[in-house]
């Protein structure tokens, strides 16, 4: 998902959000997404939504609230609202120490356990996948570990986000050098095609294992449709939820994971005071949470 309300847009100077309008919109956003916007974010919410008022030719934030509640086209506007309240700061191979633990330890352990059972299926879930860098990174890592054997495995990486527009971008699989800033050059050479204008496209053999799905993590009925996972990646997402929604989402992950499965969070996130169901396992540069 990236950082919430991290950047502002040009505000229409004649429109200000009242305390009542802020409360209405904040409660509405929370009910829809589980994202809680604190009082110190009032100005940024005002900035972010000003362009929506302009595009819809609305005079006040109160009118926008009623549009979201009652207008016949409110469903389309909800997707635009989701785009506005989330930004998507990410990159390929983000947090290399954590991914090294995943590649060198966790993944090899899971593969060995699967082979011992005669099971050659793998399912990973990238929860809050943004523009696709994380799930494609996971697919690349699978190629690096399984090599020529990858075609003998049944592999699926489910990638979801709240924003329809970032999922559309993810499906295109075209990236700038900035998205590849933390990617080893040899990986770029093997798994991307340079298509001109300093753009790189993910290769089909990487993309074929990834399925993108729009999903609201705070909706347990949507989450239940995700196949049982061996590993869940949810990095830099739950920090934007209220404590109640955080606990709910973590419980959804626990229910989704296979016994012995693993949960990866962002480097600044932890399950402290959220869940005691997982066993924290400490590795150099990373804490991984295991379902036992």
Protein backbone atom coordinates (compact mmCIF):
# COMPACT_ATOMS: atom_id res chain seq x y z
CA UNK A 1 0.00 0.00 0.00
CA UNK A 2 2.87 2.37 0.73
CA UNK A 3 2.52 5.54 2.73
CA UNK A 4 -0.87 7.09 3.45
CA UNK A 5 -1.45 10.73 2.61
CA UNK A 6 2.29 11.15 2.20
CA UNK A 7 2.10 13.82 -0.47
CA UNK A 8 -0.26 16.71 -1.01
CA UNK A 9 -1.85 18.16 -4.11
CA UNK A 10 -2.74 21.74 -4.93
CA UNK A 11 -5.66 22.81 -2.77
CA UNK A 12 -8.49 25.01 -4.00
CA UNK A 13 -8.00 28.01 -1.76
CA UNK A 14 -11.70 28.71 -1.52
CA UNK A 15 -12.58 25.34 0.00
CA UNK A 16 -11.79 24.35 3.56
CA UNK A 17 -12.89 21.25 5.39
CA UNK A 18 -14.87 21.83 8.57
CA UNK A 19 -14.42 19.71 11.69
CA UNK A 20 -17.80 18.10 11.08
CA UNK A 21 -16.96 17.29 7.45
CA UNK A 22 -13.59 15.88 8.47
CA UNK A 23 -15.26 13.62 11.04
CA UNK A 24 -17.84 12.46 8.50
CA UNK A 25 -15.25 11.64 5.85
CA UNK A 26 -12.80 10.09 8.30
CA UNK A 27 -15.50 7.80 9.70
CA UNK A 28 -16.66 6.91 6.20
CA UNK A 29 -13.11 6.05 5.06
CA UNK A 30 -12.56 4.01 8.21
CA UNK A 31 -15.80 2.08 7.68
CA UNK A 32 -14.88 1.35 4.08
CA UNK A 33 -11.19 0.50 4.45
CA UNK A 34 -10.14 0.18 8.09
CA UNK A 35 -7.70 3.06 7.52
CA UNK A 36 -7.81 5.55 10.37
CA UNK A 37 -6.89 9.17 9.65
CA UNK A 38 -5.83 11.03 12.77
CA UNK A 39 -6.70 14.64 13.60
CA UNK A 40 -3.16 15.67 12.64
CA UNK A 41 -3.93 14.52 9.06
CA UNK A 42 -6.89 16.84 8.59
CA UNK A 43 -5.04 19.31 6.36
CA UNK A 44 -3.58 16.52 4.23
CA UNK A 45 -7.00 14.93 3.75
CA UNK A 46 -8.29 18.36 2.71
CA UNK A 47 -5.44 18.66 0.20
CA UNK A 48 -5.94 15.19 -1.19
CA UNK A 49 -9.70 15.49 -1.72
CA UNK A 50 -9.73 19.02 -3.15
CA UNK A 51 -9.20 17.76 -6.69
CA UNK A 52 -12.09 15.34 -6.34
CA UNK A 53 -14.36 18.27 -5.43
CA UNK A 54 -13.11 20.17 -8.46
CA UNK A 55 -13.58 17.23 -10.85
CA UNK A 56 -17.10 16.58 -9.55
CA UNK A 57 -17.95 20.30 -9.46
CA UNK A 58 -18.85 20.15 -5.77
CA UNK A 59 -18.69 23.19 -3.51
CA UNK A 60 -18.00 21.64 -0.10
CA UNK A 61 -16.53 18.53 1.48
CA UNK A 62 -19.99 17.89 2.91
CA UNK A 63 -21.35 17.62 -0.62
CA UNK A 64 -18.57 15.15 -1.41
CA UNK A 65 -19.51 13.07 1.61
CA UNK A 66 -23.13 12.90 0.47
CA UNK A 67 -21.97 12.06 -3.06
CA UNK A 68 -20.03 9.09 -1.64
CA UNK A 69 -23.05 7.98 0.37
CA UNK A 70 -25.93 8.44 -2.07
CA UNK A 71 -24.95 9.26 -5.66
CA UNK A 72 -25.74 6.56 -8.26
CA UNK A 73 -22.09 6.67 -9.44
CA UNK A 74 -20.69 6.38 -5.91
CA UNK A 75 -19.10 2.98 -6.58
CA UNK A 76 -16.83 4.42 -9.24
CA UNK A 77 -15.97 7.31 -6.97
CA UNK A 78 -15.04 4.90 -4.17
CA UNK A 79 -12.21 3.56 -6.33
CA UNK A 80 -10.99 7.12 -6.92
CA UNK A 81 -11.20 7.78 -3.18
CA UNK A 82 -9.08 4.69 -2.49
CA UNK A 83 -6.49 5.97 -4.97
CA UNK A 84 -6.44 9.37 -3.31
CA UNK A 85 -5.97 8.22 0.29
CA UNK A 86 -3.17 5.78 -0.49
CA UNK A 87 0.14 6.33 -2.18
CA UNK A 88 2.39 3.57 -3.32
CA UNK A 89 6.04 4.01 -2.49
CA UNK A 90 7.74 0.70 -3.23
CA UNK A 91 10.45 -0.94 -5.31
CA UNK A 92 11.70 -4.31 -6.47
CA UNK A 93 13.77 -6.18 -3.87
CA UNK A 94 12.78 -3.74 -1.15
CA UNK A 95 14.43 -4.51 2.21
CA UNK A 96 17.16 -6.86 0.92
CA UNK A 97 18.08 -8.34 4.35
CA UNK A 98 14.50 -9.54 4.83
CA UNK A 99 14.31 -10.99 1.33
CA UNK A 100 17.64 -12.75 1.85
CA UNK A 101 16.13 -14.50 4.91
CA UNK A 102 13.12 -15.44 2.82
CA UNK A 103 15.21 -16.76 -0.09
CA UNK A 104 18.03 -18.51 1.76
CA UNK A 105 16.17 -19.88 4.79
CA UNK A 106 12.37 -19.76 4.77
CA UNK A 107 11.72 -20.65 1.14
CA UNK A 108 14.23 -23.51 1.11
CA UNK A 109 12.71 -24.87 4.32
CA UNK A 110 9.22 -24.77 2.82
CA UNK A 111 10.34 -26.40 -0.43
CA UNK A 112 12.14 -29.22 1.43
CA UNK A 113 9.05 -29.85 3.58
CA UNK A 114 6.80 -29.93 0.52
CA UNK A 115 9.05 -32.35 -1.35
CA UNK A 116 9.17 -34.66 1.66
CA UNK A 117 5.36 -34.87 1.51
CA UNK A 118 5.24 -35.29 -2.27
CA UNK A 119 3.53 -31.92 -2.58
CA UNK A 120 4.88 -29.62 -5.27
CA UNK A 121 2.51 -26.70 -4.84
CA UNK A 122 3.29 -23.24 -3.47
CA UNK A 123 0.98 -20.34 -2.72
CA UNK A 124 2.20 -16.93 -1.62
CA UNK A 125 0.04 -13.92 -0.81
CA UNK A 126 1.25 -10.37 -1.35
CA UNK A 127 -1.26 -8.40 0.72
CA UNK A 128 -1.11 -4.73 -0.27
CA UNK A 129 0.90 -5.29 -3.44
CA UNK A 130 0.77 -1.72 -4.77
CA UNK A 131 2.05 -1.54 -8.39
CA UNK A 132 3.32 -5.12 -8.39
CA UNK A 133 6.97 -4.86 -7.40
CA UNK A 134 6.64 -7.17 -4.39
CA UNK A 135 4.80 -10.12 -6.00
CA UNK A 136 7.02 -9.97 -9.07
CA UNK A 137 10.04 -9.97 -6.75
CA UNK A 138 8.70 -13.13 -5.11
CA UNK A 139 8.29 -14.76 -8.52
CA UNK A 140 11.86 -13.83 -9.44
CA UNK A 141 13.15 -15.31 -6.18
CA UNK A 142 11.28 -18.54 -6.94
CA UNK A 143 12.99 -18.67 -10.32
CA UNK A 144 16.36 -18.11 -8.66
CA UNK A 145 15.82 -20.90 -6.13
CA UNK A 146 13.99 -23.52 -8.21
CA UNK A 147 15.79 -22.76 -11.48
CA UNK A 148 14.86 -25.29 -14.20
CA UNK A 149 12.65 -27.18 -11.75
CA UNK A 150 10.14 -24.36 -11.50
CA UNK A 151 7.98 -25.71 -14.31
CA UNK A 152 7.41 -28.92 -12.35
CA UNK A 153 5.78 -26.96 -9.51
CA UNK A 154 2.23 -25.62 -9.23
CA UNK A 155 2.84 -22.03 -8.15
CA UNK A 156 0.48 -19.14 -7.52
CA UNK A 157 1.19 -15.71 -6.06
CA UNK A 158 -2.00 -13.86 -5.16
CA UNK A 159 -1.42 -10.10 -5.11
CA UNK A 160 -4.06 -7.70 -3.88
CA UNK A 161 -4.53 -4.02 -3.26
CA UNK A 162 -7.36 -1.67 -2.41
CA UNK A 163 -6.65 0.57 -5.40
CA UNK A 164 -7.89 -0.49 -8.83
CA UNK A 165 -5.55 1.92 -10.61
CA UNK A 166 -2.36 0.51 -9.05
CA UNK A 167 -3.50 -3.01 -9.93
CA UNK A 168 -4.00 -1.91 -13.53
CA UNK A 169 -0.44 -0.59 -13.53
CA UNK A 170 0.84 -3.80 -11.90
CA UNK A 171 -0.74 -5.94 -14.61
CA UNK A 172 1.08 -3.93 -17.30
CA UNK A 173 4.36 -4.77 -15.59
CA UNK A 174 6.26 -1.78 -16.96
CA UNK A 175 8.66 0.05 -14.65
CA UNK A 176 11.12 2.93 -14.52
CA UNK A 177 14.71 2.66 -13.27
CA UNK A 178 13.52 4.18 -9.99
CA UNK A 179 11.37 1.11 -9.28
CA UNK A 180 14.48 -1.01 -9.92
CA UNK A 181 16.80 1.08 -7.76
CA UNK A 182 17.30 -1.72 -5.20
CA UNK A 183 17.47 -4.52 -7.77
CA UNK A 184 20.79 -6.27 -8.58
CA UNK A 185 21.84 -5.56 -12.20
CA UNK A 186 22.10 -9.27 -13.03
CA UNK A 187 18.47 -9.72 -11.96
CA UNK A 188 17.39 -6.86 -14.23
CA UNK A 189 19.24 -8.46 -17.13
CA UNK A 190 17.63 -11.86 -16.59
CA UNK A 191 14.04 -10.98 -15.79
CA UNK A 192 13.28 -7.68 -17.53
CA UNK A 193 13.12 -6.50 -21.12
CA UNK A 194 14.22 -2.95 -21.85
CA UNK A 195 11.53 -1.39 -24.03
CA UNK A 196 12.92 2.09 -24.60
CA UNK A 197 12.46 5.48 -22.94
CA UNK A 198 14.16 4.06 -19.85
CA UNK A 199 11.32 1.59 -19.28
CA UNK A 200 11.60 -2.06 -18.33
CA UNK A 201 8.95 -4.75 -18.72
CA UNK A 202 8.76 -7.84 -16.53
CA UNK A 203 9.18 -11.01 -18.57
CA UNK A 204 6.14 -13.28 -19.15
CA UNK A 205 7.71 -16.25 -17.34
CA UNK A 206 7.80 -14.12 -14.18
CA UNK A 207 4.36 -12.56 -14.61
CA UNK A 208 2.54 -15.83 -15.28
CA UNK A 209 2.68 -16.91 -11.63
CA UNK A 210 1.10 -13.69 -10.31
CA UNK A 211 -2.64 -13.05 -10.10
CA UNK A 212 -3.80 -9.53 -9.20
CA UNK A 213 -7.08 -9.10 -7.30
CA UNK A 214 -8.72 -5.99 -5.88
CA UNK A 215 -9.39 -6.64 -2.21
CA UNK A 216 -10.13 -4.81 1.01
CA UNK A 217 -8.05 -6.38 3.78
CA UNK A 218 -10.49 -5.22 6.45
CA UNK A 219 -13.31 -7.26 4.85
CA UNK A 220 -13.06 -10.78 6.26
CA UNK A 221 -15.45 -12.18 3.65
CA UNK A 222 -13.21 -10.98 0.82
CA UNK A 223 -10.12 -12.27 2.61
CA UNK A 224 -11.66 -15.72 3.02
CA UNK A 225 -11.63 -16.10 -0.77
CA UNK A 226 -7.81 -16.03 -0.82
CA UNK A 227 -6.39 -19.58 -1.14
CA UNK A 228 -4.52 -21.01 1.84
CA UNK A 229 -0.98 -19.60 1.81
CA UNK A 230 2.47 -20.91 2.64
CA UNK A 231 3.77 -17.36 3.13
CA UNK A 232 2.01 -14.01 3.53
CA UNK A 233 3.84 -10.78 2.80
CA UNK A 234 2.10 -7.70 4.22
CA UNK A 235 4.74 -5.01 4.44
CA UNK A 236 4.07 -1.38 5.32
CA UNK A 237 0.31 -1.80 5.25
CA UNK A 238 -1.10 -2.43 8.72
CA UNK A 239 0.54 0.71 10.14
CA UNK A 240 -2.34 2.69 8.60
CA UNK A 241 -5.08 0.68 10.30
CA UNK A 242 -6.64 1.28 13.69
CA UNK A 243 -5.61 -1.09 16.48
CA UNK A 244 -8.87 -3.01 16.17
CA UNK A 245 -8.53 -3.49 12.41
CA UNK A 246 -4.84 -4.43 12.80
CA UNK A 247 -5.80 -7.25 15.16
CA UNK A 248 -8.55 -8.41 12.82
CA UNK A 249 -6.28 -8.42 9.77
CA UNK A 250 -3.55 -10.32 11.61
CA UNK A 251 -6.12 -12.93 12.65
CA UNK A 252 -7.21 -13.21 9.00
CA UNK A 253 -3.60 -13.89 8.03
CA UNK A 254 -3.31 -16.53 10.74
CA UNK A 255 -6.44 -18.29 9.51
CA UNK A 256 -5.24 -18.11 5.91
CA UNK A 257 -1.78 -19.54 6.52
CA UNK A 258 -1.04 -23.23 6.30
CA UNK A 259 0.30 -24.81 9.53
CA UNK A 260 3.98 -23.91 9.68
CA UNK A 261 3.43 -20.97 7.33
CA UNK A 262 5.15 -17.61 7.69
CA UNK A 263 4.11 -13.95 7.89
CA UNK A 264 6.46 -11.15 6.83
CA UNK A 265 5.73 -7.58 7.95
CA UNK A 266 7.50 -4.31 7.17
CA UNK A 267 10.76 -3.62 9.00
CA UNK A 268 9.06 -0.98 11.22
CA UNK A 269 6.03 -3.18 11.99
CA UNK A 270 5.59 -5.89 14.61
CA UNK A 271 2.92 -8.05 16.20
CA UNK A 272 3.66 -6.65 19.64
CA UNK A 273 0.33 -6.14 21.45
CA UNK A 274 -1.53 -7.37 18.36
CA UNK A 275 -1.27 -11.16 18.43
CA UNK A 276 0.29 -13.95 20.43
CA UNK A 277 -0.73 -16.62 17.94
CA UNK A 278 2.47 -16.39 15.91
CA UNK A 279 5.95 -17.43 17.04
CA UNK A 280 8.48 -14.65 16.30
CA UNK A 281 11.69 -16.03 14.81
CA UNK A 282 14.70 -13.72 14.79
CA UNK A 283 17.11 -13.71 11.87
CA UNK A 284 19.85 -11.18 11.04
CA UNK A 285 18.02 -8.11 9.73
CA UNK A 286 14.54 -9.58 10.02
CA UNK A 287 11.86 -10.98 12.33
CA UNK A 288 9.62 -13.61 10.76
CA UNK A 289 6.34 -14.77 12.31
CA UNK A 290 5.53 -18.48 12.13
CA UNK A 291 2.17 -20.18 12.51
CA UNK A 292 2.66 -23.30 14.61
